[in-house]
């Protein structure tokens, strides 16, 4: 199937565009949510609802990127990926995708909380896998022989770590937002929320930078 590899590469690039592009939209909406002097609380909450909807695009792309990236490596002959590993990657990606969407559709329920906890540990497991294979390949030249590919795998693991930290840093927003809605806008309700969002932004910028670097490695193959 001569078109399989270029088609997989195209889908890989498409997921990257959707991930980074939609994430920038999430960032912009978050920036406008912070402007309490510009928008009413009702308008800001509407922006936040839109942010949550847009955020499903990068979350979907992230889940699918895992099995698709291994499929690209296998189809391109960069590594003879074991069949069991490729199957496990697709199973993990599809389960992850289901967890993300099921939690979204059942938000603010015990079911959603359960799904997000499972998703968290699944992401941690995959993160360790990418960090290990990237570090192992950089140190020994196997199983990923090209240095650029080994570095890309390692950095993808770092992206997992930074993206996980976004969710960890953002966790206090739930109670803080509930207090804002209940008590109204004031320094007492706004400043803690703003501080949490400011801390989260550093991890967001880290993800953006890492995505740009990994995409450069994949496109230019400089190493």
Protein backbone atom coordinates (compact mmCIF):
# COMPACT_ATOMS: atom_id res chain seq x y z
CA UNK A 1 0.00 0.00 0.00
CA UNK A 2 2.21 2.86 -1.27
CA UNK A 3 -0.16 5.54 0.01
CA UNK A 4 -0.30 4.25 3.58
CA UNK A 5 2.82 5.99 4.90
CA UNK A 6 2.19 9.46 3.36
CA UNK A 7 -1.46 9.23 4.45
CA UNK A 8 -0.42 8.47 8.02
CA UNK A 9 2.08 11.33 7.94
CA UNK A 10 -0.67 13.65 6.70
CA UNK A 11 -3.00 12.56 9.52
CA UNK A 12 -0.16 13.01 11.99
CA UNK A 13 0.37 16.59 10.77
CA UNK A 14 -3.38 17.22 10.82
CA UNK A 15 -3.57 16.18 14.47
CA UNK A 16 -0.66 18.50 15.26
CA UNK A 17 -2.42 21.44 13.58
CA UNK A 18 -5.67 20.69 15.40
CA UNK A 19 -3.89 20.26 18.72
CA UNK A 20 -1.83 23.44 18.61
CA UNK A 21 -4.37 25.57 16.75
CA UNK A 22 -7.31 24.74 19.02
CA UNK A 23 -5.09 25.06 22.09
CA UNK A 24 -4.26 28.61 21.06
CA UNK A 25 -8.02 29.25 20.85
CA UNK A 26 -8.38 27.89 24.38
CA UNK A 27 -5.60 30.18 25.53
CA UNK A 28 -7.19 33.26 23.91
CA UNK A 29 -10.59 32.50 25.47
CA UNK A 30 -8.91 32.07 28.83
CA UNK A 31 -7.20 35.42 28.45
CA UNK A 32 -10.52 37.13 27.79
CA UNK A 33 -12.15 35.35 30.73
CA UNK A 34 -9.60 37.06 32.96
CA UNK A 35 -10.73 40.56 31.88
CA UNK A 36 -13.22 41.35 34.64
CA UNK A 37 -13.08 45.05 33.76
CA UNK A 38 -14.15 44.38 30.15
CA UNK A 39 -16.85 41.71 30.41
CA UNK A 40 -19.70 41.03 32.77
CA UNK A 41 -19.56 37.87 34.85
CA UNK A 42 -22.28 36.32 32.67
CA UNK A 43 -20.25 37.06 29.53
CA UNK A 44 -17.11 35.64 31.09
CA UNK A 45 -18.92 32.44 32.07
CA UNK A 46 -20.17 32.12 28.49
CA UNK A 47 -16.57 32.44 27.29
CA UNK A 48 -15.59 29.73 29.76
CA UNK A 49 -18.26 27.38 28.41
CA UNK A 50 -16.96 27.99 24.90
CA UNK A 51 -13.41 27.35 26.14
CA UNK A 52 -14.43 23.94 27.48
CA UNK A 53 -15.97 23.02 24.13
CA UNK A 54 -12.92 24.13 22.11
CA UNK A 55 -10.62 22.33 24.55
CA UNK A 56 -12.08 19.01 23.41
CA UNK A 57 -10.26 19.38 20.09
CA UNK A 58 -6.69 19.28 21.49
CA UNK A 59 -7.70 16.62 24.01
CA UNK A 60 -9.00 14.47 21.17
CA UNK A 61 -5.90 15.08 19.06
CA UNK A 62 -3.62 14.23 21.98
CA UNK A 63 -5.29 10.86 22.56
CA UNK A 64 -5.13 9.90 18.88
CA UNK A 65 -1.56 11.14 18.48
CA UNK A 66 -0.21 8.24 20.53
CA UNK A 67 -1.30 5.30 18.33
CA UNK A 68 -0.93 7.33 15.14
CA UNK A 69 2.67 8.30 15.89
CA UNK A 70 3.61 4.64 16.41
CA UNK A 71 1.79 3.74 13.20
CA UNK A 72 3.82 6.36 11.30
CA UNK A 73 7.08 5.01 12.75
CA UNK A 74 6.10 1.45 11.81
CA UNK A 75 4.82 2.22 8.30
CA UNK A 76 7.87 4.37 7.54
CA UNK A 77 10.28 1.61 8.51
CA UNK A 78 11.86 3.70 11.26
CA UNK A 79 11.30 0.91 13.78
CA UNK A 80 9.86 -2.59 13.51
CA UNK A 81 7.20 -1.88 16.13
CA UNK A 82 6.04 -5.14 17.72
CA UNK A 83 2.50 -5.99 16.69
CA UNK A 84 1.36 -6.30 20.29
CA UNK A 85 2.69 -2.82 21.08
CA UNK A 86 0.95 -1.26 18.09
CA UNK A 87 -2.33 -2.96 19.02
CA UNK A 88 -1.93 -1.89 22.65
CA UNK A 89 -1.27 1.71 21.55
CA UNK A 90 -4.48 1.81 19.51
CA UNK A 91 -6.45 0.23 22.34
CA UNK A 92 -5.02 2.74 24.84
CA UNK A 93 -5.69 5.66 22.48
CA UNK A 94 -9.29 4.67 21.87
CA UNK A 95 -9.94 4.00 25.56
CA UNK A 96 -8.37 7.36 26.38
CA UNK A 97 -10.56 9.04 23.76
CA UNK A 98 -13.67 7.42 25.23
CA UNK A 99 -12.70 8.51 28.76
CA UNK A 100 -12.21 12.12 27.60
CA UNK A 101 -15.53 12.38 25.80
CA UNK A 102 -17.53 10.41 28.36
CA UNK A 103 -16.24 12.66 31.13
CA UNK A 104 -17.10 15.71 29.05
CA UNK A 105 -20.64 14.50 28.39
CA UNK A 106 -21.20 13.59 32.06
CA UNK A 107 -19.38 16.55 33.59
CA UNK A 108 -19.80 17.30 37.30
CA UNK A 109 -20.76 13.68 38.07
CA UNK A 110 -19.00 10.84 39.91
CA UNK A 111 -18.74 9.08 36.55
CA UNK A 112 -16.75 11.97 35.10
CA UNK A 113 -14.51 12.09 38.18
CA UNK A 114 -13.83 8.35 37.83
CA UNK A 115 -13.03 8.70 34.13
CA UNK A 116 -10.62 11.56 34.72
CA UNK A 117 -8.79 9.64 37.42
CA UNK A 118 -8.35 6.66 35.07
CA UNK A 119 -7.27 9.02 32.29
CA UNK A 120 -4.70 10.64 34.58
CA UNK A 121 -2.99 7.33 35.38
CA UNK A 122 -3.18 6.21 31.75
CA UNK A 123 -1.40 9.39 30.67
CA UNK A 124 1.24 8.90 33.37
CA UNK A 125 1.86 5.35 32.15
CA UNK A 126 2.19 6.45 28.52
CA UNK A 127 4.44 9.35 29.57
CA UNK A 128 6.86 6.94 31.25
CA UNK A 129 6.83 4.78 28.13
CA UNK A 130 7.80 7.64 25.83
CA UNK A 131 10.45 8.95 28.21
CA UNK A 132 11.96 5.48 28.54
CA UNK A 133 12.06 4.64 24.85
CA UNK A 134 13.38 8.09 23.99
CA UNK A 135 16.11 8.03 26.65
CA UNK A 136 17.03 4.41 25.85
CA UNK A 137 17.33 5.21 22.16
CA UNK A 138 19.40 8.35 22.76
CA UNK A 139 21.76 6.41 25.03
CA UNK A 140 22.14 3.20 22.99
CA UNK A 141 20.86 3.96 19.47
CA UNK A 142 18.03 1.44 19.75
CA UNK A 143 15.20 0.78 19.18
CA UNK A 144 14.83 4.22 17.57
CA UNK A 145 17.98 4.59 15.50
CA UNK A 146 17.72 8.16 14.11
CA UNK A 147 18.73 10.66 16.79
CA UNK A 148 15.98 13.08 15.75
CA UNK A 149 13.34 10.39 16.24
CA UNK A 150 14.71 9.35 19.63
CA UNK A 151 14.78 13.00 20.72
CA UNK A 152 11.26 13.49 19.43
CA UNK A 153 10.00 10.48 21.41
CA UNK A 154 11.69 11.74 24.58
CA UNK A 155 10.29 15.25 24.13
CA UNK A 156 6.83 13.82 23.52
CA UNK A 157 7.12 12.26 26.97
CA UNK A 158 8.07 15.68 28.33
CA UNK A 159 4.98 17.11 26.62
CA UNK A 160 2.93 14.55 28.53
CA UNK A 161 4.51 15.72 31.79
CA UNK A 162 3.84 19.40 31.06
CA UNK A 163 0.27 18.74 29.87
CA UNK A 164 -0.44 16.63 32.96
CA UNK A 165 0.81 19.53 35.07
CA UNK A 166 -1.68 21.83 33.31
CA UNK A 167 -4.52 19.70 34.69
CA UNK A 168 -2.86 19.46 38.11
CA UNK A 169 -2.28 23.22 38.33
CA UNK A 170 -5.79 23.95 37.04
CA UNK A 171 -7.54 21.67 39.53
CA UNK A 172 -8.28 24.41 42.14
CA UNK A 173 -10.24 26.33 39.48
CA UNK A 174 -13.38 24.21 40.07
CA UNK A 175 -13.98 25.25 43.69
CA UNK A 176 -12.74 28.79 43.01
CA UNK A 177 -15.08 29.20 40.07
CA UNK A 178 -17.96 27.82 42.14
CA UNK A 179 -17.27 30.44 44.77
CA UNK A 180 -17.13 33.17 42.12
CA UNK A 181 -20.52 32.14 40.74
CA UNK A 182 -22.05 31.88 44.20
CA UNK A 183 -20.63 35.08 45.75
CA UNK A 184 -20.14 37.25 42.69
CA UNK A 185 -17.12 39.11 41.39
CA UNK A 186 -14.85 40.67 44.02
CA UNK A 187 -11.19 40.70 44.89
CA UNK A 188 -11.82 37.89 47.37
CA UNK A 189 -13.26 35.60 44.69
CA UNK A 190 -11.29 36.81 41.66
CA UNK A 191 -7.70 37.00 42.92
CA UNK A 192 -7.29 33.33 43.94
CA UNK A 193 -8.81 32.27 40.61
CA UNK A 194 -6.51 34.62 38.70
CA UNK A 195 -3.48 33.30 40.61
CA UNK A 196 -4.35 29.71 39.69
CA UNK A 197 -4.76 30.62 36.02
CA UNK A 198 -1.44 32.51 36.06
CA UNK A 199 0.37 29.46 37.45
CA UNK A 200 -1.22 27.22 34.85
CA UNK A 201 -0.11 29.45 31.97
CA UNK A 202 3.56 28.53 32.49
CA UNK A 203 2.79 24.89 31.76
CA UNK A 204 0.69 25.90 28.75
CA UNK A 205 3.60 27.86 27.28
CA UNK A 206 5.86 24.88 27.93
CA UNK A 207 3.54 22.60 25.92
CA UNK A 208 3.44 25.10 23.04
CA UNK A 209 7.23 25.35 22.94
CA UNK A 210 7.70 21.58 23.10
CA UNK A 211 5.14 21.00 20.34
CA UNK A 212 7.00 23.42 18.08
CA UNK A 213 10.36 21.75 18.82
CA UNK A 214 9.07 18.20 18.27
CA UNK A 215 7.34 19.17 15.02
CA UNK A 216 10.60 20.77 13.83
CA UNK A 217 12.52 17.59 14.60
CA UNK A 218 9.98 15.52 12.66
CA UNK A 219 9.84 17.82 9.66
CA UNK A 220 13.49 18.84 9.31
CA UNK A 221 15.22 15.79 10.87
CA UNK A 222 18.30 17.85 11.81
CA UNK A 223 20.00 15.21 14.02
